Amino acid sequence: MTTVLTLPGLGGDVGGYMSEWLRGFAGQHNHIAVDYPAAAGTASIAAGVHQLQEAITQTLSVGGGPVVVLAHSQGAEVVSAWLEEFADTGPPPGSLRFILTGNPRRRLGGAGMGGWDWRPVGRTPETRYAVTDIARRWDGWANKDNYPGRAGGNWFKLWWGRFTVHSDYRDVTVA
């Protein structure tokens, strides 16, 4: 049976919203929420990488695979940092894949800003793992260039989308 590990964005999984993400994708499988601080700061992301590594290792060791990691916003940043650190030494690609929503480090259109410590952060790396990176139109964190099309003079929609569109991926369908 597939296990879905979820990593929320800032503020954590208040109300269990990650189980509703992508039309209830996580709830259709063995769902395990990865507990990490989900707070402002680089320490949160580093702690998340550690917690994610433990969750992946533990889940695969008890036969809970294959594993899908579903991560949103800062959770997607945790996955990006995990891929930077463990992509070459992690479990076989057939046993682990990633679905990212609202990813600020998205290769195409992500905000690409500096980290909490103001240092530049890289884009989500390309590795041997399958990564599905989903961004909604007008999500100003994950789709700042508003592809398809261009934002043009709609900077307000993108800014506002950081607080509205970015926080809701419930009705997005994933194959």
N, C-alpha and C. Protein backbone atom coordinates (compact mmCIF):
# COMPACT_ATOMS: atom_id res chain seq x y z
N MET A 1 0.84 -1.19 0.00
CA MET A 1 0.00 0.00 0.00
C MET A 1 0.88 1.25 0.00
N THR A 2 0.49 2.21 -0.79
CA THR A 2 1.23 3.48 -0.86
C THR A 2 1.04 4.27 0.43
N THR A 3 2.13 4.85 0.90
CA THR A 3 2.09 5.74 2.06
C THR A 3 2.35 7.16 1.56
N VAL A 4 1.53 8.09 2.02
CA VAL A 4 1.73 9.49 1.67
C VAL A 4 2.18 10.24 2.92
N LEU A 5 3.39 10.79 2.85
CA LEU A 5 3.92 11.64 3.91
C LEU A 5 3.61 13.08 3.53
N THR A 6 3.03 13.85 4.44
CA THR A 6 2.70 15.23 4.12
C THR A 6 3.52 16.21 4.95
N LEU A 7 3.94 17.28 4.29
CA LEU A 7 4.66 18.39 4.94
C LEU A 7 3.93 19.67 4.59
N PRO A 8 3.35 20.34 5.58
CA PRO A 8 2.59 21.57 5.33
C PRO A 8 3.50 22.78 5.17
N GLY A 9 2.89 23.90 4.87
CA GLY A 9 3.59 25.17 4.82
C GLY A 9 3.66 25.81 6.20
N LEU A 10 3.99 27.09 6.23
CA LEU A 10 4.09 27.83 7.49
C LEU A 10 2.83 27.66 8.32
N GLY A 11 3.00 27.51 9.61
CA GLY A 11 1.87 27.39 10.51
C GLY A 11 1.44 25.96 10.76
N GLY A 12 1.98 25.02 10.01
CA GLY A 12 1.65 23.62 10.24
C GLY A 12 0.33 23.22 9.59
N ASP A 13 -0.09 22.03 9.89
CA ASP A 13 -1.29 21.45 9.28
C ASP A 13 -2.51 21.70 10.14
N VAL A 14 -2.82 22.96 10.36
CA VAL A 14 -3.95 23.35 11.19
C VAL A 14 -5.24 22.83 10.56
N GLY A 15 -5.97 22.06 11.31
CA GLY A 15 -7.22 21.49 10.82
C GLY A 15 -7.05 20.32 9.87
N GLY A 16 -5.83 19.85 9.70
CA GLY A 16 -5.58 18.70 8.84
C GLY A 16 -5.81 18.97 7.36
N TYR A 17 -5.54 20.20 6.91
CA TYR A 17 -5.83 20.56 5.52
C TYR A 17 -5.08 19.70 4.50
N MET A 18 -3.90 19.19 4.83
CA MET A 18 -3.14 18.42 3.86
C MET A 18 -3.85 17.14 3.44
N SER A 19 -4.71 16.61 4.28
CA SER A 19 -5.46 15.41 3.88
C SER A 19 -6.51 15.74 2.83
N GLU A 20 -6.87 17.02 2.68
CA GLU A 20 -7.85 17.45 1.69
C GLU A 20 -7.19 17.92 0.39
N TRP A 21 -5.87 18.14 0.42
CA TRP A 21 -5.15 18.65 -0.73
C TRP A 21 -5.32 17.71 -1.93
N LEU A 22 -5.34 18.26 -3.13
CA LEU A 22 -5.40 17.50 -4.37
C LEU A 22 -6.57 16.51 -4.37
N ARG A 23 -7.74 17.04 -4.02
CA ARG A 23 -8.99 16.25 -3.99
C ARG A 23 -8.89 15.05 -3.05
N GLY A 24 -8.23 15.25 -1.92
CA GLY A 24 -8.15 14.21 -0.90
C GLY A 24 -7.14 13.12 -1.19
N PHE A 25 -6.12 13.44 -1.99
CA PHE A 25 -5.12 12.44 -2.40
C PHE A 25 -4.51 11.70 -1.21
N ALA A 26 -4.04 12.42 -0.20
CA ALA A 26 -3.38 11.77 0.93
C ALA A 26 -4.33 10.85 1.68
N GLY A 27 -5.58 11.27 1.83
CA GLY A 27 -6.56 10.48 2.57
C GLY A 27 -6.96 9.19 1.87
N GLN A 28 -6.62 9.06 0.60
CA GLN A 28 -6.93 7.85 -0.15
C GLN A 28 -5.85 6.78 0.02
N HIS A 29 -4.84 7.09 0.80
CA HIS A 29 -3.70 6.19 1.03
C HIS A 29 -3.41 6.16 2.52
N ASN A 30 -2.39 5.42 2.89
CA ASN A 30 -1.90 5.44 4.27
C ASN A 30 -1.24 6.81 4.47
N HIS A 31 -1.85 7.70 5.23
CA HIS A 31 -1.40 9.09 5.35
C HIS A 31 -0.68 9.29 6.68
N ILE A 32 0.53 9.82 6.60
CA ILE A 32 1.32 10.15 7.79
C ILE A 32 1.77 11.60 7.67
N ALA A 33 1.40 12.42 8.64
CA ALA A 33 1.84 13.82 8.67
C ALA A 33 3.23 13.87 9.29
N VAL A 34 4.16 14.52 8.60
CA VAL A 34 5.52 14.69 9.12
C VAL A 34 5.52 15.93 10.01
N ASP A 35 5.88 15.74 11.25
CA ASP A 35 5.87 16.83 12.22
C ASP A 35 7.21 17.57 12.18
N TYR A 36 7.17 18.82 11.76
CA TYR A 36 8.35 19.67 11.80
C TYR A 36 7.86 21.06 12.21
N PRO A 37 8.74 21.98 12.60
CA PRO A 37 8.26 23.25 13.16
C PRO A 37 7.32 24.06 12.28
N ALA A 38 7.50 24.05 10.95
CA ALA A 38 6.67 24.83 10.03
C ALA A 38 6.55 26.28 10.50
N ALA A 39 7.70 26.87 10.79
CA ALA A 39 7.77 28.23 11.31
C ALA A 39 8.75 29.04 10.47
N ALA A 40 8.67 30.35 10.59
CA ALA A 40 9.57 31.23 9.88
C ALA A 40 11.00 30.98 10.34
N GLY A 41 11.91 30.82 9.41
CA GLY A 41 13.32 30.67 9.75
C GLY A 41 13.95 29.45 9.10
N THR A 42 15.27 29.54 8.89
CA THR A 42 16.00 28.44 8.27
C THR A 42 16.05 27.21 9.17
N ALA A 43 15.97 27.40 10.47
CA ALA A 43 16.01 26.25 11.39
C ALA A 43 14.81 25.33 11.15
N SER A 44 13.69 25.89 10.77
CA SER A 44 12.50 25.09 10.50
C SER A 44 12.73 24.17 9.30
N ILE A 45 13.34 24.70 8.26
CA ILE A 45 13.60 23.89 7.07
C ILE A 45 14.62 22.80 7.39
N ALA A 46 15.67 23.13 8.11
CA ALA A 46 16.67 22.14 8.49
C ALA A 46 16.05 21.03 9.36
N ALA A 47 15.21 21.42 10.31
CA ALA A 47 14.53 20.43 11.14
C ALA A 47 13.60 19.57 10.29
N GLY A 48 12.95 20.20 9.31
CA GLY A 48 12.06 19.46 8.42
C GLY A 48 12.81 18.43 7.59
N VAL A 49 14.00 18.76 7.13
CA VAL A 49 14.81 17.80 6.37
C VAL A 49 15.12 16.59 7.24
N HIS A 50 15.51 16.84 8.48
CA HIS A 50 15.81 15.75 9.42
C HIS A 50 14.57 14.89 9.66
N GLN A 51 13.42 15.52 9.92
CA GLN A 51 12.18 14.78 10.19
C GLN A 51 11.72 14.01 8.95
N LEU A 52 11.88 14.60 7.77
CA LEU A 52 11.50 13.92 6.54
C LEU A 52 12.38 12.69 6.31
N GLN A 53 13.67 12.83 6.51
CA GLN A 53 14.58 11.70 6.35
C GLN A 53 14.19 10.57 7.29
N GLU A 54 13.91 10.90 8.54
CA GLU A 54 13.48 9.87 9.50
C GLU A 54 12.18 9.20 9.06
N ALA A 55 11.22 9.99 8.60
CA ALA A 55 9.93 9.44 8.19
C ALA A 55 10.08 8.53 6.97
N ILE A 56 10.88 8.93 6.00
CA ILE A 56 11.09 8.10 4.81
C ILE A 56 11.76 6.79 5.21
N THR A 57 12.83 6.89 5.97
CA THR A 57 13.57 5.70 6.39
C THR A 57 12.68 4.75 7.18
N GLN A 58 11.95 5.28 8.15
CA GLN A 58 11.08 4.44 8.99
C GLN A 58 9.96 3.80 8.16
N THR A 59 9.33 4.56 7.31
CA THR A 59 8.23 4.04 6.51
C THR A 59 8.69 2.93 5.59
N LEU A 60 9.81 3.13 4.91
CA LEU A 60 10.31 2.10 4.00
C LEU A 60 10.83 0.88 4.74
N SER A 61 11.36 1.07 5.95
CA SER A 61 11.90 -0.06 6.72
C SER A 61 10.81 -1.01 7.22
N VAL A 62 9.59 -0.49 7.38
CA VAL A 62 8.50 -1.35 7.85
C VAL A 62 7.60 -1.81 6.70
N GLY A 63 8.08 -1.61 5.48
CA GLY A 63 7.31 -2.05 4.32
C GLY A 63 6.14 -1.17 3.99
N GLY A 64 6.23 0.11 4.31
CA GLY A 64 5.14 1.04 4.06
C GLY A 64 5.24 1.73 2.73
N GLY A 65 5.93 1.13 1.78
CA GLY A 65 6.14 1.79 0.51
C GLY A 65 5.29 1.23 -0.58
N PRO A 66 5.29 1.83 -1.73
CA PRO A 66 6.09 3.00 -2.07
C PRO A 66 5.63 4.24 -1.31
N VAL A 67 6.50 5.22 -1.25
CA VAL A 67 6.23 6.45 -0.51
C VAL A 67 6.08 7.62 -1.47
N VAL A 68 5.02 8.40 -1.25
CA VAL A 68 4.82 9.66 -1.95
C VAL A 68 4.91 10.75 -0.90
N VAL A 69 5.75 11.75 -1.14
CA VAL A 69 5.84 12.90 -0.25
C VAL A 69 5.06 14.04 -0.88
N LEU A 70 4.01 14.47 -0.20
CA LEU A 70 3.18 15.59 -0.64
C LEU A 70 3.51 16.78 0.25
N ALA A 71 4.05 17.84 -0.36
CA ALA A 71 4.53 18.98 0.43
C ALA A 71 4.05 20.28 -0.18
N HIS A 72 3.71 21.22 0.71
CA HIS A 72 3.21 22.52 0.28
C HIS A 72 4.08 23.65 0.82
N SER A 73 4.36 24.63 -0.03
CA SER A 73 5.02 25.87 0.34
C SER A 73 6.34 25.61 1.07
N GLN A 74 6.44 25.95 2.35
CA GLN A 74 7.69 25.70 3.07
C GLN A 74 7.98 24.20 3.12
N GLY A 75 6.94 23.37 3.15
CA GLY A 75 7.15 21.93 3.08
C GLY A 75 7.85 21.55 1.78
N ALA A 76 7.51 22.23 0.67
CA ALA A 76 8.18 22.00 -0.61
C ALA A 76 9.64 22.46 -0.54
N GLU A 77 9.90 23.51 0.22
CA GLU A 77 11.27 23.94 0.41
C GLU A 77 12.06 22.90 1.20
N VAL A 78 11.39 22.27 2.16
CA VAL A 78 12.02 21.17 2.91
C VAL A 78 12.40 20.05 1.95
N VAL A 79 11.48 19.68 1.06
CA VAL A 79 11.77 18.64 0.08
C VAL A 79 12.94 19.05 -0.80
N SER A 80 12.97 20.30 -1.25
CA SER A 80 14.08 20.78 -2.09
C SER A 80 15.41 20.62 -1.35
N ALA A 81 15.44 20.99 -0.09
CA ALA A 81 16.66 20.85 0.71
C ALA A 81 17.00 19.37 0.94
N TRP A 82 15.97 18.52 1.13
CA TRP A 82 16.20 17.08 1.28
C TRP A 82 16.83 16.53 0.00
N LEU A 83 16.30 16.93 -1.16
CA LEU A 83 16.84 16.46 -2.43
C LEU A 83 18.30 16.90 -2.60
N GLU A 84 18.62 18.12 -2.19
CA GLU A 84 20.00 18.59 -2.27
C GLU A 84 20.93 17.73 -1.42
N GLU A 85 20.44 17.29 -0.27
CA GLU A 85 21.28 16.55 0.67
C GLU A 85 21.28 15.04 0.43
N PHE A 86 20.14 14.46 0.08
CA PHE A 86 20.01 13.00 0.06
C PHE A 86 19.74 12.37 -1.31
N ALA A 87 19.64 13.15 -2.37
CA ALA A 87 19.27 12.59 -3.67
C ALA A 87 20.21 11.48 -4.14
N ASP A 88 21.49 11.61 -3.85
CA ASP A 88 22.45 10.61 -4.30
C ASP A 88 22.53 9.38 -3.40
N THR A 89 22.11 9.52 -2.15
CA THR A 89 22.26 8.42 -1.20
C THR A 89 20.93 7.88 -0.67
N GLY A 90 19.83 8.47 -1.10
CA GLY A 90 18.51 8.07 -0.61
C GLY A 90 18.07 6.73 -1.17
N PRO A 91 16.85 6.34 -0.85
CA PRO A 91 16.33 5.05 -1.30
C PRO A 91 16.18 5.02 -2.83
N PRO A 92 15.97 3.83 -3.38
CA PRO A 92 15.82 3.73 -4.84
C PRO A 92 14.66 4.59 -5.34
N PRO A 93 14.82 5.19 -6.51
CA PRO A 93 13.79 6.08 -7.05
C PRO A 93 12.41 5.42 -7.19
N GLY A 94 12.36 4.14 -7.45
CA GLY A 94 11.07 3.46 -7.60
C GLY A 94 10.26 3.38 -6.32
N SER A 95 10.91 3.62 -5.20
CA SER A 95 10.22 3.52 -3.91
C SER A 95 9.79 4.87 -3.35
N LEU A 96 10.15 5.97 -4.04
CA LEU A 96 9.91 7.31 -3.49
C LEU A 96 9.68 8.31 -4.61
N ARG A 97 8.61 9.10 -4.48
CA ARG A 97 8.38 10.20 -5.40
C ARG A 97 7.81 11.39 -4.64
N PHE A 98 7.79 12.55 -5.28
CA PHE A 98 7.41 13.79 -4.61
C PHE A 98 6.34 14.54 -5.41
N ILE A 99 5.38 15.12 -4.68
CA ILE A 99 4.40 16.03 -5.26
C ILE A 99 4.49 17.32 -4.46
N LEU A 100 4.81 18.40 -5.14
CA LEU A 100 4.98 19.70 -4.48
C LEU A 100 3.89 20.64 -4.96
N THR A 101 3.30 21.39 -4.03
CA THR A 101 2.32 22.42 -4.37
C THR A 101 2.78 23.75 -3.78
N GLY A 102 2.52 24.82 -4.52
CA GLY A 102 2.87 26.15 -4.01
C GLY A 102 4.33 26.30 -3.68
N ASN A 103 5.20 25.71 -4.47
CA ASN A 103 6.63 25.66 -4.19
C ASN A 103 7.34 26.97 -4.56
N PRO A 104 7.81 27.76 -3.58
CA PRO A 104 8.53 28.99 -3.89
C PRO A 104 9.85 28.76 -4.63
N ARG A 105 10.37 27.53 -4.55
CA ARG A 105 11.64 27.20 -5.22
C ARG A 105 11.40 26.51 -6.56
N ARG A 106 10.19 26.59 -7.05
CA ARG A 106 9.82 25.94 -8.30
C ARG A 106 10.73 26.41 -9.44
N ARG A 107 11.16 25.47 -10.28
CA ARG A 107 12.11 25.79 -11.36
C ARG A 107 11.53 26.80 -12.35
N LEU A 108 10.25 26.68 -12.66
CA LEU A 108 9.62 27.59 -13.61
C LEU A 108 8.62 28.46 -12.88
N GLY A 109 8.95 29.70 -12.66
CA GLY A 109 8.00 30.64 -12.09
C GLY A 109 8.04 30.84 -10.60
N GLY A 110 8.82 30.04 -9.88
CA GLY A 110 8.89 30.22 -8.43
C GLY A 110 9.43 31.59 -8.06
N ALA A 111 9.09 32.05 -6.88
CA ALA A 111 9.48 33.38 -6.45
C ALA A 111 11.00 33.54 -6.42
N GLY A 112 11.73 32.44 -6.10
CA GLY A 112 13.18 32.47 -6.17
C GLY A 112 13.83 33.52 -5.31
N MET A 113 13.23 33.80 -4.19
CA MET A 113 13.74 34.84 -3.31
C MET A 113 14.84 34.28 -2.41
N GLY A 114 15.40 35.15 -1.61
CA GLY A 114 16.36 34.71 -0.62
C GLY A 114 15.66 33.95 0.49
N GLY A 115 16.44 33.19 1.23
CA GLY A 115 15.90 32.43 2.35
C GLY A 115 15.64 33.32 3.55
N TRP A 116 15.23 32.69 4.63
CA TRP A 116 14.94 33.43 5.87
C TRP A 116 16.18 34.14 6.39
N ASP A 117 17.36 33.65 6.00
CA ASP A 117 18.60 34.29 6.43
C ASP A 117 19.11 35.26 5.37
N TRP A 118 18.30 35.57 4.37
CA TRP A 118 18.57 36.50 3.28
C TRP A 118 19.59 35.98 2.27
N ARG A 119 20.05 34.75 2.46
CA ARG A 119 20.95 34.15 1.47
C ARG A 119 20.11 33.62 0.32
N PRO A 120 20.66 33.63 -0.90
CA PRO A 120 19.90 33.10 -2.03
C PRO A 120 19.63 31.61 -1.86
N VAL A 121 18.45 31.17 -2.29
CA VAL A 121 18.14 29.74 -2.27
C VAL A 121 18.06 29.26 -3.72
N GLY A 122 18.48 28.05 -3.92
CA GLY A 122 18.44 27.48 -5.25
C GLY A 122 17.05 26.97 -5.58
N ARG A 123 16.86 26.68 -6.84
CA ARG A 123 15.62 26.07 -7.29
C ARG A 123 15.59 24.61 -6.85
N THR A 124 14.42 24.01 -6.90
CA THR A 124 14.31 22.58 -6.59
C THR A 124 15.20 21.83 -7.59
N PRO A 125 16.15 21.04 -7.09
CA PRO A 125 17.10 20.41 -8.01
C PRO A 125 16.48 19.28 -8.83
N GLU A 126 17.04 19.07 -9.99
CA GLU A 126 16.67 17.91 -10.80
C GLU A 126 17.51 16.75 -10.30
N THR A 127 16.86 15.65 -9.97
CA THR A 127 17.55 14.48 -9.42
C THR A 127 16.99 13.22 -10.08
N ARG A 128 17.36 12.09 -9.56
CA ARG A 128 16.87 10.81 -10.07
C ARG A 128 15.44 10.52 -9.63
N TYR A 129 14.88 11.33 -8.74
CA TYR A 129 13.53 11.11 -8.24
C TYR A 129 12.50 11.84 -9.09
N ALA A 130 11.31 11.24 -9.19
CA ALA A 130 10.20 11.88 -9.88
C ALA A 130 9.63 12.98 -8.98
N VAL A 131 9.55 14.17 -9.52
CA VAL A 131 8.99 15.31 -8.78
C VAL A 131 7.91 15.94 -9.65
N THR A 132 6.68 15.98 -9.13
CA THR A 132 5.60 16.68 -9.78
C THR A 132 5.43 17.99 -9.04
N ASP A 133 5.64 19.10 -9.73
CA ASP A 133 5.65 20.41 -9.09
C ASP A 133 4.45 21.21 -9.62
N ILE A 134 3.44 21.40 -8.78
CA ILE A 134 2.17 21.99 -9.19
C ILE A 134 2.04 23.42 -8.68
N ALA A 135 1.67 24.32 -9.58
CA ALA A 135 1.42 25.71 -9.20
C ALA A 135 0.13 26.17 -9.85
N ARG A 136 -0.71 26.84 -9.08
CA ARG A 136 -1.94 27.41 -9.61
C ARG A 136 -1.66 28.79 -10.20
N ARG A 137 -2.49 29.14 -11.17
CA ARG A 137 -2.38 30.47 -11.74
C ARG A 137 -2.67 31.50 -10.64
N TRP A 138 -1.92 32.55 -10.61
CA TRP A 138 -1.99 33.66 -9.67
C TRP A 138 -1.44 33.32 -8.29
N ASP A 139 -0.80 32.15 -8.14
CA ASP A 139 -0.09 31.87 -6.89
C ASP A 139 1.23 32.63 -6.97
N GLY A 140 1.31 33.76 -6.28
CA GLY A 140 2.47 34.64 -6.37
C GLY A 140 3.74 34.07 -5.78
N TRP A 141 3.68 32.97 -5.04
CA TRP A 141 4.89 32.33 -4.52
C TRP A 141 5.41 31.29 -5.50
N ALA A 142 4.53 30.51 -6.10
CA ALA A 142 4.96 29.40 -6.95
C ALA A 142 4.85 29.69 -8.44
N ASN A 143 4.15 30.75 -8.81
CA ASN A 143 3.93 31.04 -10.22
C ASN A 143 3.99 32.56 -10.43
N LYS A 144 5.08 33.15 -10.02
CA LYS A 144 5.15 34.62 -10.04
C LYS A 144 5.09 35.21 -11.44
N ASP A 145 5.43 34.41 -12.48
CA ASP A 145 5.32 34.95 -13.83
C ASP A 145 3.96 34.63 -14.45
N ASN A 146 3.08 33.99 -13.68
CA ASN A 146 1.69 33.70 -14.06
C ASN A 146 1.58 32.90 -15.35
N TYR A 147 2.45 31.93 -15.53
CA TYR A 147 2.38 31.07 -16.71
C TYR A 147 1.11 30.24 -16.65
N PRO A 148 0.32 30.00 -17.68
CA PRO A 148 0.55 30.50 -19.03
C PRO A 148 0.18 31.97 -19.13
N GLY A 149 0.79 32.65 -20.03
CA GLY A 149 0.60 34.09 -20.12
C GLY A 149 1.62 34.79 -19.26
N ARG A 150 1.50 36.02 -19.12
CA ARG A 150 2.41 36.80 -18.28
C ARG A 150 1.60 37.68 -17.36
N ALA A 151 2.17 38.01 -16.26
CA ALA A 151 1.46 38.81 -15.27
C ALA A 151 1.17 40.21 -15.79
N GLY A 152 2.06 40.73 -16.60
CA GLY A 152 1.85 42.08 -17.13
C GLY A 152 1.60 43.06 -16.01
N GLY A 153 0.54 43.82 -16.09
CA GLY A 153 0.22 44.81 -15.09
C GLY A 153 -0.57 44.26 -13.91
N ASN A 154 -0.67 42.97 -13.81
CA ASN A 154 -1.47 42.36 -12.74
C ASN A 154 -0.63 41.99 -11.52
N TRP A 155 0.33 42.82 -11.18
CA TRP A 155 1.16 42.54 -10.02
C TRP A 155 0.32 42.42 -8.76
N PHE A 156 -0.80 43.17 -8.69
CA PHE A 156 -1.65 43.10 -7.51
C PHE A 156 -2.27 41.71 -7.36
N LYS A 157 -2.70 41.12 -8.48
CA LYS A 157 -3.28 39.77 -8.41
C LYS A 157 -2.25 38.77 -7.92
N LEU A 158 -1.02 38.90 -8.38
CA LEU A 158 0.03 37.99 -7.92
C LEU A 158 0.34 38.20 -6.45
N TRP A 159 0.41 39.44 -6.01
CA TRP A 159 0.67 39.73 -4.60
C TRP A 159 -0.48 39.19 -3.76
N TRP A 160 -1.71 39.48 -4.16
CA TRP A 160 -2.88 39.02 -3.43
C TRP A 160 -2.96 37.49 -3.47
N GLY A 161 -2.55 36.90 -4.59
CA GLY A 161 -2.55 35.44 -4.74
C GLY A 161 -1.63 34.74 -3.76
N ARG A 162 -0.64 35.45 -3.23
CA ARG A 162 0.24 34.86 -2.21
C ARG A 162 -0.53 34.55 -0.94
N PHE A 163 -1.63 35.22 -0.73
CA PHE A 163 -2.41 35.03 0.50
C PHE A 163 -3.71 34.28 0.25
N THR A 164 -4.15 34.20 -0.99
CA THR A 164 -5.43 33.54 -1.29
C THR A 164 -5.23 32.27 -2.10
N VAL A 165 -4.80 32.41 -3.33
CA VAL A 165 -4.62 31.26 -4.22
C VAL A 165 -3.60 30.28 -3.64
N HIS A 166 -2.51 30.80 -3.10
CA HIS A 166 -1.43 29.97 -2.57
C HIS A 166 -1.90 29.05 -1.45
N SER A 167 -2.89 29.45 -0.73
CA SER A 167 -3.31 28.69 0.45
C SER A 167 -4.40 27.66 0.18
N ASP A 168 -4.68 27.36 -1.10
CA ASP A 168 -5.75 26.40 -1.37
C ASP A 168 -5.49 25.58 -2.63
N TYR A 169 -5.08 24.36 -2.43
CA TYR A 169 -4.85 23.41 -3.52
C TYR A 169 -5.78 22.20 -3.37
N ARG A 170 -6.93 22.41 -2.72
CA ARG A 170 -7.85 21.28 -2.50
C ARG A 170 -8.44 20.73 -3.78
N ASP A 171 -8.83 21.58 -4.70
CA ASP A 171 -9.55 21.13 -5.89
C ASP A 171 -8.65 20.88 -7.10
N VAL A 172 -7.37 20.86 -6.91
CA VAL A 172 -6.44 20.55 -8.00
C VAL A 172 -6.38 19.03 -8.14
N THR A 173 -6.39 18.56 -9.37
CA THR A 173 -6.34 17.12 -9.62
C THR A 173 -4.93 16.71 -9.99
N VAL A 174 -4.49 15.60 -9.42
CA VAL A 174 -3.18 15.04 -9.76
C VAL A 174 -3.41 13.62 -10.25
N ALA A 175 -2.69 13.25 -11.28
CA ALA A 175 -2.85 11.90 -11.85
C ALA A 175 -2.08 10.88 -11.04
